[in-house]
Amino acid sequence: MKDIEYPDKPRSLPCWFSPKDSYVASALLSDGFEFIGLLEDVETPDYLELVMGNWSLGSICSVNELVAICDGAVFSLDCVGEADHELRWSNTKKLLRQKLRTYKLKTSKLNTVSPTHD
């Protein structure tokens, strides 16, 4: 696991994550999600939807929990009531898509060679 410094408390990310997936996971952690382990160690989601790239968003209805999954790693967020669940579902899908696109734009700008001035 990679340790990441946060003002509130240190958290870890899976060591096998690519820089892009680590970037997205950091955004989830900042949004209140927690890394809870591997998919095989948690309750099977009742519903799972591929969002973008390696990222999926799911729901565990019995505990009113959202789960974001990437390469076997599970990030969880407890919701309070159905309205909160629906709002967080929508916002988390947007967050995942936005961060994946932002990372792609960020890295494409870094790979662009700027002209030199003589």
PDB file of N, CA and C in Angstrom:
ATOM      1  N   MET A   1       0.819  -1.184   0.000  1.00  0.00           N
ATOM      2  CA  MET A   1       0.000   0.000   0.000  1.00  0.00           C
ATOM      3  C   MET A   1       0.866   1.252   0.000  1.00  0.00           C
ATOM      4  N   LYS A   2       0.404   2.249  -0.727  1.00  0.00           N
ATOM      5  CA  LYS A   2       1.086   3.531  -0.728  1.00  0.00           C
ATOM      6  C   LYS A   2       0.434   4.421   0.316  1.00  0.00           C
ATOM      7  N   ASP A   3       1.236   5.039   1.172  1.00  0.00           N
ATOM      8  CA  ASP A   3       0.691   5.977   2.140  1.00  0.00           C
ATOM      9  C   ASP A   3       0.520   7.328   1.474  1.00  0.00           C
ATOM     10  N   ILE A   4      -0.582   7.954   1.767  1.00  0.00           N
ATOM     11  CA  ILE A   4      -0.885   9.275   1.226  1.00  0.00           C
ATOM     12  C   ILE A   4      -1.119  10.199   2.402  1.00  0.00           C
ATOM     13  N   GLU A   5      -0.567  11.364   2.360  1.00  0.00           N
ATOM     14  CA  GLU A   5      -0.740  12.315   3.444  1.00  0.00           C
ATOM     15  C   GLU A   5      -2.039  13.091   3.253  1.00  0.00           C
ATOM     16  N   TYR A   6      -2.885  13.066   4.272  1.00  0.00           N
ATOM     17  CA  TYR A   6      -4.115  13.836   4.316  1.00  0.00           C
ATOM     18  C   TYR A   6      -4.088  14.632   5.605  1.00  0.00           C
ATOM     19  N   PRO A   7      -4.715  15.789   5.608  1.00  0.00           N
ATOM     20  CA  PRO A   7      -4.695  16.591   6.823  1.00  0.00           C
ATOM     21  C   PRO A   7      -5.368  15.894   8.010  1.00  0.00           C
ATOM     22  N   ASP A   8      -6.404  15.084   7.763  1.00  0.00           N
ATOM     23  CA  ASP A   8      -7.132  14.477   8.874  1.00  0.00           C
ATOM     24  C   ASP A   8      -6.457  13.216   9.402  1.00  0.00           C
ATOM     25  N   LYS A   9      -6.105  12.288   8.546  1.00  0.00           N
ATOM     26  CA  LYS A   9      -5.424  11.060   8.970  1.00  0.00           C
ATOM     27  C   LYS A   9      -4.821  10.376   7.748  1.00  0.00           C
ATOM     28  N   PRO A  10      -3.746   9.616   7.938  1.00  0.00           N
ATOM     29  CA  PRO A  10      -3.155   8.935   6.789  1.00  0.00           C
ATOM     30  C   PRO A  10      -4.054   7.801   6.305  1.00  0.00           C
ATOM     31  N   ARG A  11      -4.096   7.605   5.018  1.00  0.00           N
ATOM     32  CA  ARG A  11      -4.850   6.517   4.404  1.00  0.00           C
ATOM     33  C   ARG A  11      -3.941   5.843   3.398  1.00  0.00           C
ATOM     34  N   SER A  12      -4.332   4.664   2.972  1.00  0.00           N
ATOM     35  CA  SER A  12      -3.494   3.920   2.045  1.00  0.00           C
ATOM     36  C   SER A  12      -4.235   3.610   0.764  1.00  0.00           C
ATOM     37  N   LEU A  13      -3.469   3.442  -0.294  1.00  0.00           N
ATOM     38  CA  LEU A  13      -4.004   3.032  -1.583  1.00  0.00           C
ATOM     39  C   LEU A  13      -3.354   1.720  -1.979  1.00  0.00           C
ATOM     40  N   PRO A  14      -4.051   0.924  -2.756  1.00  0.00           N
ATOM     41  CA  PRO A  14      -3.441  -0.336  -3.221  1.00  0.00           C
ATOM     42  C   PRO A  14      -2.144  -0.072  -3.993  1.00  0.00           C
ATOM     43  N   CYS A  15      -1.122  -0.852  -3.716  1.00  0.00           N
ATOM     44  CA  CYS A  15       0.195  -0.647  -4.335  1.00  0.00           C
ATOM     45  C   CYS A  15       0.182  -0.988  -5.823  1.00  0.00           C
ATOM     46  N   TRP A  16      -0.783  -1.769  -6.295  1.00  0.00           N
ATOM     47  CA  TRP A  16      -0.833  -2.153  -7.710  1.00  0.00           C
ATOM     48  C   TRP A  16      -1.556  -1.131  -8.583  1.00  0.00           C
ATOM     49  N   PHE A  17      -2.082  -0.084  -7.981  1.00  0.00           N
ATOM     50  CA  PHE A  17      -2.799   0.931  -8.761  1.00  0.00           C
ATOM     51  C   PHE A  17      -1.842   1.701  -9.668  1.00  0.00           C
ATOM     52  N   SER A  18      -2.326   2.011 -10.854  1.00  0.00           N
ATOM     53  CA  SER A  18      -1.597   2.884 -11.766  1.00  0.00           C
ATOM     54  C   SER A  18      -1.668   4.311 -11.212  1.00  0.00           C
ATOM     55  N   PRO A  19      -0.818   5.210 -11.691  1.00  0.00           N
ATOM     56  CA  PRO A  19      -0.923   6.606 -11.247  1.00  0.00           C
ATOM     57  C   PRO A  19      -2.328   7.190 -11.504  1.00  0.00           C
ATOM     58  N   LYS A  20      -2.934   6.814 -12.617  1.00  0.00           N
ATOM     59  CA  LYS A  20      -4.283   7.314 -12.932  1.00  0.00           C
ATOM     60  C   LYS A  20      -5.293   6.825 -11.903  1.00  0.00           C
ATOM     61  N   ASP A  21      -5.262   5.532 -11.589  1.00  0.00           N
ATOM     62  CA  ASP A  21      -6.215   4.998 -10.621  1.00  0.00           C
ATOM     63  C   ASP A  21      -5.948   5.530  -9.218  1.00  0.00           C
ATOM     64  N   SER A  22      -4.697   5.774  -8.882  1.00  0.00           N
ATOM     65  CA  SER A  22      -4.367   6.385  -7.589  1.00  0.00           C
ATOM     66  C   SER A  22      -4.921   7.803  -7.513  1.00  0.00           C
ATOM     67  N   TYR A  23      -4.854   8.531  -8.615  1.00  0.00           N
ATOM     68  CA  TYR A  23      -5.391   9.892  -8.695  1.00  0.00           C
ATOM     69  C   TYR A  23      -6.899   9.870  -8.433  1.00  0.00           C
ATOM     70  N   VAL A  24      -7.602   8.950  -9.066  1.00  0.00           N
ATOM     71  CA  VAL A  24      -9.051   8.828  -8.895  1.00  0.00           C
ATOM     72  C   VAL A  24      -9.376   8.383  -7.468  1.00  0.00           C
ATOM     73  N   ALA A  25      -8.650   7.404  -6.964  1.00  0.00           N
ATOM     74  CA  ALA A  25      -8.891   6.907  -5.608  1.00  0.00           C
ATOM     75  C   ALA A  25      -8.678   8.009  -4.568  1.00  0.00           C
ATOM     76  N   SER A  26      -7.690   8.844  -4.772  1.00  0.00           N
ATOM     77  CA  SER A  26      -7.449   9.958  -3.851  1.00  0.00           C
ATOM     78  C   SER A  26      -8.651  10.895  -3.803  1.00  0.00           C
ATOM     79  N   ALA A  27      -9.271  11.114  -4.955  1.00  0.00           N
ATOM     80  CA  ALA A  27     -10.468  11.959  -5.005  1.00  0.00           C
ATOM     81  C   ALA A  27     -11.624  11.306  -4.242  1.00  0.00           C
ATOM     82  N   LEU A  28     -11.761   9.997  -4.375  1.00  0.00           N
ATOM     83  CA  LEU A  28     -12.807   9.287  -3.629  1.00  0.00           C
ATOM     84  C   LEU A  28     -12.574   9.401  -2.122  1.00  0.00           C
ATOM     85  N   LEU A  29     -11.333   9.209  -1.701  1.00  0.00           N
ATOM     86  CA  LEU A  29     -11.005   9.317  -0.279  1.00  0.00           C
ATOM     87  C   LEU A  29     -11.312  10.718   0.237  1.00  0.00           C
ATOM     88  N   SER A  30     -11.006  11.711  -0.568  1.00  0.00           N
ATOM     89  CA  SER A  30     -11.291  13.091  -0.175  1.00  0.00           C
ATOM     90  C   SER A  30     -12.790  13.362  -0.107  1.00  0.00           C
ATOM     91  N   ASP A  31     -13.573  12.566  -0.833  1.00  0.00           N
ATOM     92  CA  ASP A  31     -15.024  12.733  -0.856  1.00  0.00           C
ATOM     93  C   ASP A  31     -15.721  11.899   0.218  1.00  0.00           C
ATOM     94  N   GLY A  32     -14.966  11.252   1.084  1.00  0.00           N
ATOM     95  CA  GLY A  32     -15.565  10.527   2.193  1.00  0.00           C
ATOM     96  C   GLY A  32     -15.548   9.017   2.076  1.00  0.00           C
ATOM     97  N   PHE A  33     -15.088   8.489   0.952  1.00  0.00           N
ATOM     98  CA  PHE A  33     -14.984   7.039   0.796  1.00  0.00           C
ATOM     99  C   PHE A  33     -13.809   6.522   1.617  1.00  0.00           C
ATOM    100  N   GLU A  34     -13.872   5.240   1.966  1.00  0.00           N
ATOM    101  CA  GLU A  34     -12.776   4.580   2.657  1.00  0.00           C
ATOM    102  C   GLU A  34     -12.359   3.354   1.866  1.00  0.00           C
ATOM    103  N   PHE A  35     -11.057   3.091   1.816  1.00  0.00           N
ATOM    104  CA  PHE A  35     -10.572   1.856   1.213  1.00  0.00           C
ATOM    105  C   PHE A  35     -10.833   0.749   2.227  1.00  0.00           C
ATOM    106  N   ILE A  36     -11.650  -0.258   1.837  1.00  0.00           N
ATOM    107  CA  ILE A  36     -12.023  -1.294   2.806  1.00  0.00           C
ATOM    108  C   ILE A  36     -11.428  -2.661   2.495  1.00  0.00           C
ATOM    109  N   GLY A  37     -10.724  -2.788   1.390  1.00  0.00           N
ATOM    110  CA  GLY A  37     -10.076  -4.058   1.095  1.00  0.00           C
ATOM    111  C   GLY A  37     -10.343  -4.552  -0.316  1.00  0.00           C
ATOM    112  N   LEU A  38     -10.252  -5.852  -0.465  1.00  0.00           N
ATOM    113  CA  LEU A  38     -10.404  -6.485  -1.774  1.00  0.00           C
ATOM    114  C   LEU A  38     -11.834  -6.968  -1.981  1.00  0.00           C
ATOM    115  N   LEU A  39     -12.230  -7.028  -3.231  1.00  0.00           N
ATOM    116  CA  LEU A  39     -13.580  -7.438  -3.589  1.00  0.00           C
ATOM    117  C   LEU A  39     -13.951  -8.793  -2.988  1.00  0.00           C
ATOM    118  N   GLU A  40     -12.997  -9.696  -2.963  1.00  0.00           N
ATOM    119  CA  GLU A  40     -13.283 -11.036  -2.440  1.00  0.00           C
ATOM    120  C   GLU A  40     -13.542 -11.045  -0.930  1.00  0.00           C
ATOM    121  N   ASP A  41     -13.185  -9.960  -0.238  1.00  0.00           N
ATOM    122  CA  ASP A  41     -13.332  -9.892   1.214  1.00  0.00           C
ATOM    123  C   ASP A  41     -14.561  -9.113   1.673  1.00  0.00           C
ATOM    124  N   VAL A  42     -15.342  -8.578   0.739  1.00  0.00           N
ATOM    125  CA  VAL A  42     -16.512  -7.786   1.116  1.00  0.00           C
ATOM    126  C   VAL A  42     -17.783  -8.423   0.556  1.00  0.00           C
ATOM    127  N   GLU A  43     -18.900  -7.980   1.071  1.00  0.00           N
ATOM    128  CA  GLU A  43     -20.194  -8.474   0.599  1.00  0.00           C
ATOM    129  C   GLU A  43     -20.355  -8.147  -0.890  1.00  0.00           C
ATOM    130  N   THR A  44     -20.914  -9.073  -1.626  1.00  0.00           N
ATOM    131  CA  THR A  44     -21.123  -8.882  -3.063  1.00  0.00           C
ATOM    132  C   THR A  44     -22.142  -7.773  -3.296  1.00  0.00           C
ATOM    133  N   PRO A  45     -21.808  -6.801  -4.130  1.00  0.00           N
ATOM    134  CA  PRO A  45     -22.774  -5.734  -4.413  1.00  0.00           C
ATOM    135  C   PRO A  45     -24.045  -6.291  -5.063  1.00  0.00           C
ATOM    136  N   ASP A  46     -25.189  -5.688  -4.698  1.00  0.00           N
ATOM    137  CA  ASP A  46     -26.476  -6.078  -5.280  1.00  0.00           C
ATOM    138  C   ASP A  46     -26.604  -5.544  -6.701  1.00  0.00           C
ATOM    139  N   TYR A  47     -25.917  -4.442  -6.954  1.00  0.00           N
ATOM    140  CA  TYR A  47     -25.972  -3.804  -8.260  1.00  0.00           C
ATOM    141  C   TYR A  47     -24.580  -3.277  -8.560  1.00  0.00           C
ATOM    142  N   LEU A  48     -24.130  -3.413  -9.788  1.00  0.00           N
ATOM    143  CA  LEU A  48     -22.808  -2.940 -10.176  1.00  0.00           C
ATOM    144  C   LEU A  48     -22.869  -2.399 -11.592  1.00  0.00           C
ATOM    145  N   GLU A  49     -22.319  -1.208 -11.785  1.00  0.00           N
ATOM    146  CA  GLU A  49     -22.347  -0.546 -13.080  1.00  0.00           C
ATOM    147  C   GLU A  49     -20.939  -0.079 -13.442  1.00  0.00           C
ATOM    148  N   LEU A  50     -20.508  -0.423 -14.649  1.00  0.00           N
ATOM    149  CA  LEU A  50     -19.221   0.078 -15.141  1.00  0.00           C
ATOM    150  C   LEU A  50     -19.382   1.569 -15.430  1.00  0.00           C
ATOM    151  N   VAL A  51     -18.521   2.377 -14.845  1.00  0.00           N
ATOM    152  CA  VAL A  51     -18.616   3.825 -15.032  1.00  0.00           C
ATOM    153  C   VAL A  51     -17.699   4.277 -16.155  1.00  0.00           C
ATOM    154  N   MET A  52     -16.406   3.963 -16.035  1.00  0.00           N
ATOM    155  CA  MET A  52     -15.434   4.401 -17.036  1.00  0.00           C
ATOM    156  C   MET A  52     -14.084   3.781 -16.698  1.00  0.00           C
ATOM    157  N   GLY A  53     -13.346   3.398 -17.716  1.00  0.00           N
ATOM    158  CA  GLY A  53     -12.038   2.802 -17.470  1.00  0.00           C
ATOM    159  C   GLY A  53     -12.178   1.533 -16.655  1.00  0.00           C
ATOM    160  N   ASN A  54     -11.358   1.403 -15.607  1.00  0.00           N
ATOM    161  CA  ASN A  54     -11.404   0.241 -14.716  1.00  0.00           C
ATOM    162  C   ASN A  54     -12.387   0.407 -13.563  1.00  0.00           C
ATOM    163  N   TRP A  55     -13.071   1.530 -13.511  1.00  0.00           N
ATOM    164  CA  TRP A  55     -13.894   1.874 -12.353  1.00  0.00           C
ATOM    165  C   TRP A  55     -15.354   1.480 -12.524  1.00  0.00           C
ATOM    166  N   SER A  56     -15.884   0.858 -11.480  1.00  0.00           N
ATOM    167  CA  SER A  56     -17.302   0.501 -11.404  1.00  0.00           C
ATOM    168  C   SER A  56     -17.872   1.077 -10.119  1.00  0.00           C
ATOM    169  N   LEU A  57     -19.180   1.298 -10.132  1.00  0.00           N
ATOM    170  CA  LEU A  57     -19.881   1.797  -8.961  1.00  0.00           C
ATOM    171  C   LEU A  57     -20.986   0.809  -8.632  1.00  0.00           C
ATOM    172  N   GLY A  58     -21.070   0.446  -7.374  1.00  0.00           N
ATOM    173  CA  GLY A  58     -22.059  -0.533  -6.968  1.00  0.00           C
ATOM    174  C   GLY A  58     -22.773  -0.133  -5.706  1.00  0.00           C
ATOM    175  N   SER A  59     -23.732  -0.969  -5.350  1.00  0.00           N
ATOM    176  CA  SER A  59     -24.550  -0.709  -4.176  1.00  0.00           C
ATOM    177  C   SER A  59     -24.741  -2.005  -3.402  1.00  0.00           C
ATOM    178  N   ILE A  60     -24.600  -1.892  -2.085  1.00  0.00           N
ATOM    179  CA  ILE A  60     -24.917  -3.006  -1.193  1.00  0.00           C
ATOM    180  C   ILE A  60     -26.149  -2.558  -0.410  1.00  0.00           C
ATOM    181  N   CYS A  61     -27.294  -3.035  -0.830  1.00  0.00           N
ATOM    182  CA  CYS A  61     -28.581  -2.541  -0.322  1.00  0.00           C
ATOM    183  C   CYS A  61     -28.797  -2.812   1.162  1.00  0.00           C
ATOM    184  N   SER A  62     -28.358  -3.967   1.657  1.00  0.00           N
ATOM    185  CA  SER A  62     -28.627  -4.337   3.048  1.00  0.00           C
ATOM    186  C   SER A  62     -28.032  -3.356   4.052  1.00  0.00           C
ATOM    187  N   VAL A  63     -26.985  -2.659   3.660  1.00  0.00           N
ATOM    188  CA  VAL A  63     -26.338  -1.701   4.568  1.00  0.00           C
ATOM    189  C   VAL A  63     -26.336  -0.282   4.004  1.00  0.00           C
ATOM    190  N   ASN A  64     -27.081  -0.059   2.921  1.00  0.00           N
ATOM    191  CA  ASN A  64     -27.201   1.257   2.288  1.00  0.00           C
ATOM    192  C   ASN A  64     -25.816   1.866   2.028  1.00  0.00           C
ATOM    193  N   GLU A  65     -25.015   1.130   1.296  1.00  0.00           N
ATOM    194  CA  GLU A  65     -23.615   1.483   1.082  1.00  0.00           C
ATOM    195  C   GLU A  65     -23.300   1.565  -0.416  1.00  0.00           C
ATOM    196  N   LEU A  66     -22.555   2.585  -0.787  1.00  0.00           N
ATOM    197  CA  LEU A  66     -22.023   2.668  -2.145  1.00  0.00           C
ATOM    198  C   LEU A  66     -20.626   2.080  -2.137  1.00  0.00           C
ATOM    199  N   VAL A  67     -20.264   1.395  -3.212  1.00  0.00           N
ATOM    200  CA  VAL A  67     -18.911   0.888  -3.347  1.00  0.00           C
ATOM    201  C   VAL A  67     -18.375   1.273  -4.723  1.00  0.00           C
ATOM    202  N   ALA A  68     -17.158   1.778  -4.730  1.00  0.00           N
ATOM    203  CA  ALA A  68     -16.447   2.050  -5.974  1.00  0.00           C
ATOM    204  C   ALA A  68     -15.361   0.980  -6.058  1.00  0.00           C
ATOM    205  N   ILE A  69     -15.275   0.328  -7.215  1.00  0.00           N
ATOM    206  CA  ILE A  69     -14.363  -0.806  -7.364  1.00  0.00           C
ATOM    207  C   ILE A  69     -13.444  -0.578  -8.555  1.00  0.00           C
ATOM    208  N   CYS A  70     -12.160  -0.862  -8.335  1.00  0.00           N
ATOM    209  CA  CYS A  70     -11.168  -0.759  -9.394  1.00  0.00           C
ATOM    210  C   CYS A  70     -10.118  -1.843  -9.172  1.00  0.00           C
ATOM    211  N   ASP A  71      -9.911  -2.673 -10.169  1.00  0.00           N
ATOM    212  CA  ASP A  71      -8.895  -3.727 -10.099  1.00  0.00           C
ATOM    213  C   ASP A  71      -8.933  -4.523  -8.799  1.00  0.00           C
ATOM    214  N   GLY A  72     -10.125  -4.854  -8.345  1.00  0.00           N
ATOM    215  CA  GLY A  72     -10.283  -5.667  -7.147  1.00  0.00           C
ATOM    216  C   GLY A  72     -10.275  -4.913  -5.841  1.00  0.00           C
ATOM    217  N   ALA A  73      -9.941  -3.634  -5.858  1.00  0.00           N
ATOM    218  CA  ALA A  73      -9.934  -2.822  -4.642  1.00  0.00           C
ATOM    219  C   ALA A  73     -11.306  -2.178  -4.458  1.00  0.00           C
ATOM    220  N   VAL A  74     -11.777  -2.158  -3.216  1.00  0.00           N
ATOM    221  CA  VAL A  74     -13.114  -1.644  -2.918  1.00  0.00           C
ATOM    222  C   VAL A  74     -13.014  -0.428  -2.007  1.00  0.00           C
ATOM    223  N   PHE A  75     -13.702   0.634  -2.414  1.00  0.00           N
ATOM    224  CA  PHE A  75     -13.824   1.856  -1.633  1.00  0.00           C
ATOM    225  C   PHE A  75     -15.297   1.990  -1.273  1.00  0.00           C
ATOM    226  N   SER A  76     -15.585   2.314  -0.024  1.00  0.00           N
ATOM    227  CA  SER A  76     -16.949   2.270   0.476  1.00  0.00           C
ATOM    228  C   SER A  76     -17.379   3.614   1.060  1.00  0.00           C
ATOM    229  N   LEU A  77     -18.676   3.887   0.945  1.00  0.00           N
ATOM    230  CA  LEU A  77     -19.274   5.080   1.540  1.00  0.00           C
ATOM    231  C   LEU A  77     -20.640   4.698   2.085  1.00  0.00           C
ATOM    232  N   ASP A  78     -20.854   4.903   3.390  1.00  0.00           N
ATOM    233  CA  ASP A  78     -22.154   4.647   3.994  1.00  0.00           C
ATOM    234  C   ASP A  78     -23.076   5.826   3.701  1.00  0.00           C
ATOM    235  N   CYS A  79     -24.300   5.519   3.309  1.00  0.00           N
ATOM    236  CA  CYS A  79     -25.287   6.549   3.004  1.00  0.00           C
ATOM    237  C   CYS A  79     -26.371   6.560   4.079  1.00  0.00           C
ATOM    238  N   VAL A  80     -26.984   7.720   4.268  1.00  0.00           N
ATOM    239  CA  VAL A  80     -28.048   7.880   5.249  1.00  0.00           C
ATOM    240  C   VAL A  80     -29.356   8.066   4.491  1.00  0.00           C
ATOM    241  N   GLY A  81     -30.100   6.998   4.356  1.00  0.00           N
ATOM    242  CA  GLY A  81     -31.394   7.074   3.683  1.00  0.00           C
ATOM    243  C   GLY A  81     -31.285   6.951   2.173  1.00  0.00           C
ATOM    244  N   GLU A  82     -32.443   6.739   1.566  1.00  0.00           N
ATOM    245  CA  GLU A  82     -32.503   6.522   0.119  1.00  0.00           C
ATOM    246  C   GLU A  82     -32.143   7.782  -0.674  1.00  0.00           C
ATOM    247  N   ALA A  83     -32.591   8.945  -0.209  1.00  0.00           N
ATOM    248  CA  ALA A  83     -32.301  10.191  -0.919  1.00  0.00           C
ATOM    249  C   ALA A  83     -30.797  10.460  -0.953  1.00  0.00           C
ATOM    250  N   ASP A  84     -30.131  10.240   0.184  1.00  0.00           N
ATOM    251  CA  ASP A  84     -28.677  10.425   0.246  1.00  0.00           C
ATOM    252  C   ASP A  84     -27.987   9.438  -0.686  1.00  0.00           C
ATOM    253  N   HIS A  85     -28.457   8.206  -0.710  1.00  0.00           N
ATOM    254  CA  HIS A  85     -27.884   7.172  -1.569  1.00  0.00           C
ATOM    255  C   HIS A  85     -27.979   7.583  -3.034  1.00  0.00           C
ATOM    256  N   GLU A  86     -29.155   8.034  -3.458  1.00  0.00           N
ATOM    257  CA  GLU A  86     -29.352   8.435  -4.853  1.00  0.00           C
ATOM    258  C   GLU A  86     -28.492   9.640  -5.220  1.00  0.00           C
ATOM    259  N   LEU A  87     -28.413  10.614  -4.326  1.00  0.00           N
ATOM    260  CA  LEU A  87     -27.591  11.796  -4.570  1.00  0.00           C
ATOM    261  C   LEU A  87     -26.115  11.425  -4.656  1.00  0.00           C
ATOM    262  N   ARG A  88     -25.646  10.619  -3.707  1.00  0.00           N
ATOM    263  CA  ARG A  88     -24.231  10.230  -3.697  1.00  0.00           C
ATOM    264  C   ARG A  88     -23.894   9.355  -4.907  1.00  0.00           C
ATOM    265  N   TRP A  89     -24.840   8.506  -5.341  1.00  0.00           N
ATOM    266  CA  TRP A  89     -24.631   7.672  -6.525  1.00  0.00           C
ATOM    267  C   TRP A  89     -24.339   8.571  -7.722  1.00  0.00           C
ATOM    268  N   SER A  90     -25.210   9.524  -7.934  1.00  0.00           N
ATOM    269  CA  SER A  90     -25.065  10.434  -9.076  1.00  0.00           C
ATOM    270  C   SER A  90     -23.774  11.247  -8.983  1.00  0.00           C
ATOM    271  N   ASN A  91     -23.513  11.798  -7.819  1.00  0.00           N
ATOM    272  CA  ASN A  91     -22.305  12.614  -7.633  1.00  0.00           C
ATOM    273  C   ASN A  91     -21.025  11.797  -7.771  1.00  0.00           C
ATOM    274  N   THR A  92     -21.045  10.558  -7.310  1.00  0.00           N
ATOM    275  CA  THR A  92     -19.852   9.718  -7.399  1.00  0.00           C
ATOM    276  C   THR A  92     -19.578   9.322  -8.847  1.00  0.00           C
ATOM    277  N   LYS A  93     -20.614   9.024  -9.620  1.00  0.00           N
ATOM    278  CA  LYS A  93     -20.414   8.733 -11.043  1.00  0.00           C
ATOM    279  C   LYS A  93     -19.779   9.931 -11.740  1.00  0.00           C
ATOM    280  N   LYS A  94     -20.273  11.126 -11.442  1.00  0.00           N
ATOM    281  CA  LYS A  94     -19.700  12.342 -12.026  1.00  0.00           C
ATOM    282  C   LYS A  94     -18.248  12.524 -11.603  1.00  0.00           C
ATOM    283  N   LEU A  95     -17.978  12.292 -10.326  1.00  0.00           N
ATOM    284  CA  LEU A  95     -16.614  12.433  -9.808  1.00  0.00           C
ATOM    285  C   LEU A  95     -15.658  11.475 -10.509  1.00  0.00           C
ATOM    286  N   LEU A  96     -16.060  10.213 -10.636  1.00  0.00           N
ATOM    287  CA  LEU A  96     -15.199   9.234 -11.302  1.00  0.00           C
ATOM    288  C   LEU A  96     -14.902   9.655 -12.740  1.00  0.00           C
ATOM    289  N   ARG A  97     -15.932  10.014 -13.475  1.00  0.00           N
ATOM    290  CA  ARG A  97     -15.740  10.430 -14.879  1.00  0.00           C
ATOM    291  C   ARG A  97     -14.877  11.676 -14.978  1.00  0.00           C
ATOM    292  N   GLN A  98     -15.160  12.650 -14.107  1.00  0.00           N
ATOM    293  CA  GLN A  98     -14.397  13.899 -14.144  1.00  0.00           C
ATOM    294  C   GLN A  98     -12.918  13.661 -13.852  1.00  0.00           C
ATOM    295  N   LYS A  99     -12.617  12.877 -12.833  1.00  0.00           N
ATOM    296  CA  LYS A  99     -11.220  12.655 -12.462  1.00  0.00           C
ATOM    297  C   LYS A  99     -10.480  11.841 -13.520  1.00  0.00           C
ATOM    298  N   LEU A 100     -11.156  10.880 -14.136  1.00  0.00           N
ATOM    299  CA  LEU A 100     -10.513  10.114 -15.211  1.00  0.00           C
ATOM    300  C   LEU A 100     -10.219  11.014 -16.413  1.00  0.00           C
ATOM    301  N   ARG A 101     -11.153  11.884 -16.751  1.00  0.00           N
ATOM    302  CA  ARG A 101     -10.919  12.824 -17.867  1.00  0.00           C
ATOM    303  C   ARG A 101      -9.844  13.849 -17.521  1.00  0.00           C
ATOM    304  N   THR A 102      -9.890  14.378 -16.303  1.00  0.00           N
ATOM    305  CA  THR A 102      -8.900  15.362 -15.863  1.00  0.00           C
ATOM    306  C   THR A 102      -7.504  14.768 -15.911  1.00  0.00           C
ATOM    307  N   TYR A 103      -7.370  13.525 -15.456  1.00  0.00           N
ATOM    308  CA  TYR A 103      -6.063  12.879 -15.478  1.00  0.00           C
ATOM    309  C   TYR A 103      -5.572  12.717 -16.910  1.00  0.00           C
ATOM    310  N   LYS A 104      -6.475  12.322 -17.798  1.00  0.00           N
ATOM    311  CA  LYS A 104      -6.098  12.142 -19.196  1.00  0.00           C
ATOM    312  C   LYS A 104      -5.635  13.471 -19.804  1.00  0.00           C
ATOM    313  N   LEU A 105      -6.366  14.547 -19.519  1.00  0.00           N
ATOM    314  CA  LEU A 105      -5.967  15.869 -20.029  1.00  0.00           C
ATOM    315  C   LEU A 105      -4.644  16.318 -19.415  1.00  0.00           C
ATOM    316  N   LYS A 106      -4.497  16.086 -18.128  1.00  0.00           N
ATOM    317  CA  LYS A 106      -3.279  16.474 -17.413  1.00  0.00           C
ATOM    318  C   LYS A 106      -2.054  15.781 -18.006  1.00  0.00           C
ATOM    319  N   THR A 107      -2.174  14.478 -18.254  1.00  0.00           N
ATOM    320  CA  THR A 107      -1.024  13.747 -18.784  1.00  0.00           C
ATOM    321  C   THR A 107      -0.775  14.055 -20.249  1.00  0.00           C
ATOM    322  N   SER A 108      -1.832  14.349 -21.009  1.00  0.00           N
ATOM    323  CA  SER A 108      -1.607  14.684 -22.419  1.00  0.00           C
ATOM    324  C   SER A 108      -0.900  16.034 -22.542  1.00  0.00           C
ATOM    325  N   LYS A 109      -1.181  16.956 -21.629  1.00  0.00           N
ATOM    326  CA  LYS A 109      -0.494  18.248 -21.637  1.00  0.00           C
ATOM    327  C   LYS A 109       0.977  18.074 -21.279  1.00  0.00           C
ATOM    328  N   LEU A 110       1.263  17.156 -20.353  1.00  0.00           N
ATOM    329  CA  LEU A 110       2.655  16.911 -19.958  1.00  0.00           C
ATOM    330  C   LEU A 110       3.439  16.274 -21.104  1.00  0.00           C
ATOM    331  N   ASN A 111       2.750  15.500 -21.929  1.00  0.00           N
ATOM    332  CA  ASN A 111       3.425  14.810 -23.047  1.00  0.00           C
ATOM    333  C   ASN A 111       3.590  15.687 -24.278  1.00  0.00           C
ATOM    334  N   THR A 112       2.941  16.840 -24.276  1.00  0.00           N
ATOM    335  CA  THR A 112       3.067  17.771 -25.392  1.00  0.00           C
ATOM    336  C   THR A 112       4.378  18.535 -25.248  1.00  0.00           C
ATOM    337  N   VAL A 113       5.165  18.522 -26.267  1.00  0.00           N
ATOM    338  CA  VAL A 113       6.447  19.220 -26.240  1.00  0.00           C
ATOM    339  C   VAL A 113       6.211  20.680 -26.611  1.00  0.00           C
ATOM    340  N   SER A 114       6.654  21.569 -25.755  1.00  0.00           N
ATOM    341  CA  SER A 114       6.492  22.982 -26.064  1.00  0.00           C
ATOM    342  C   SER A 114       7.643  23.450 -26.960  1.00  0.00           C
ATOM    343  N   PRO A 115       7.340  24.376 -27.856  1.00  0.00           N
ATOM    344  CA  PRO A 115       8.404  24.868 -28.754  1.00  0.00           C
ATOM    345  C   PRO A 115       9.471  25.628 -27.969  1.00  0.00           C
ATOM    346  N   THR A 116      10.695  25.514 -28.439  1.00  0.00           N
ATOM    347  CA  THR A 116      11.786  26.254 -27.799  1.00  0.00           C
ATOM    348  C   THR A 116      11.983  27.561 -28.519  1.00  0.00           C
ATOM    349  N   HIS A 117      12.381  28.527 -27.758  1.00  0.00           N
ATOM    350  CA  HIS A 117      12.630  29.852 -28.331  1.00  0.00           C
ATOM    351  C   HIS A 117      14.129  30.085 -28.391  1.00  0.00           C
ATOM    352  N   ASP A 118      14.603  30.556 -29.534  1.00  0.00           N
ATOM    353  CA  ASP A 118      16.030  30.812 -29.683  1.00  0.00           C
ATOM    354  C   ASP A 118      16.395  32.198 -29.226  1.00  0.00           C
TER     355      ASP A 118
END
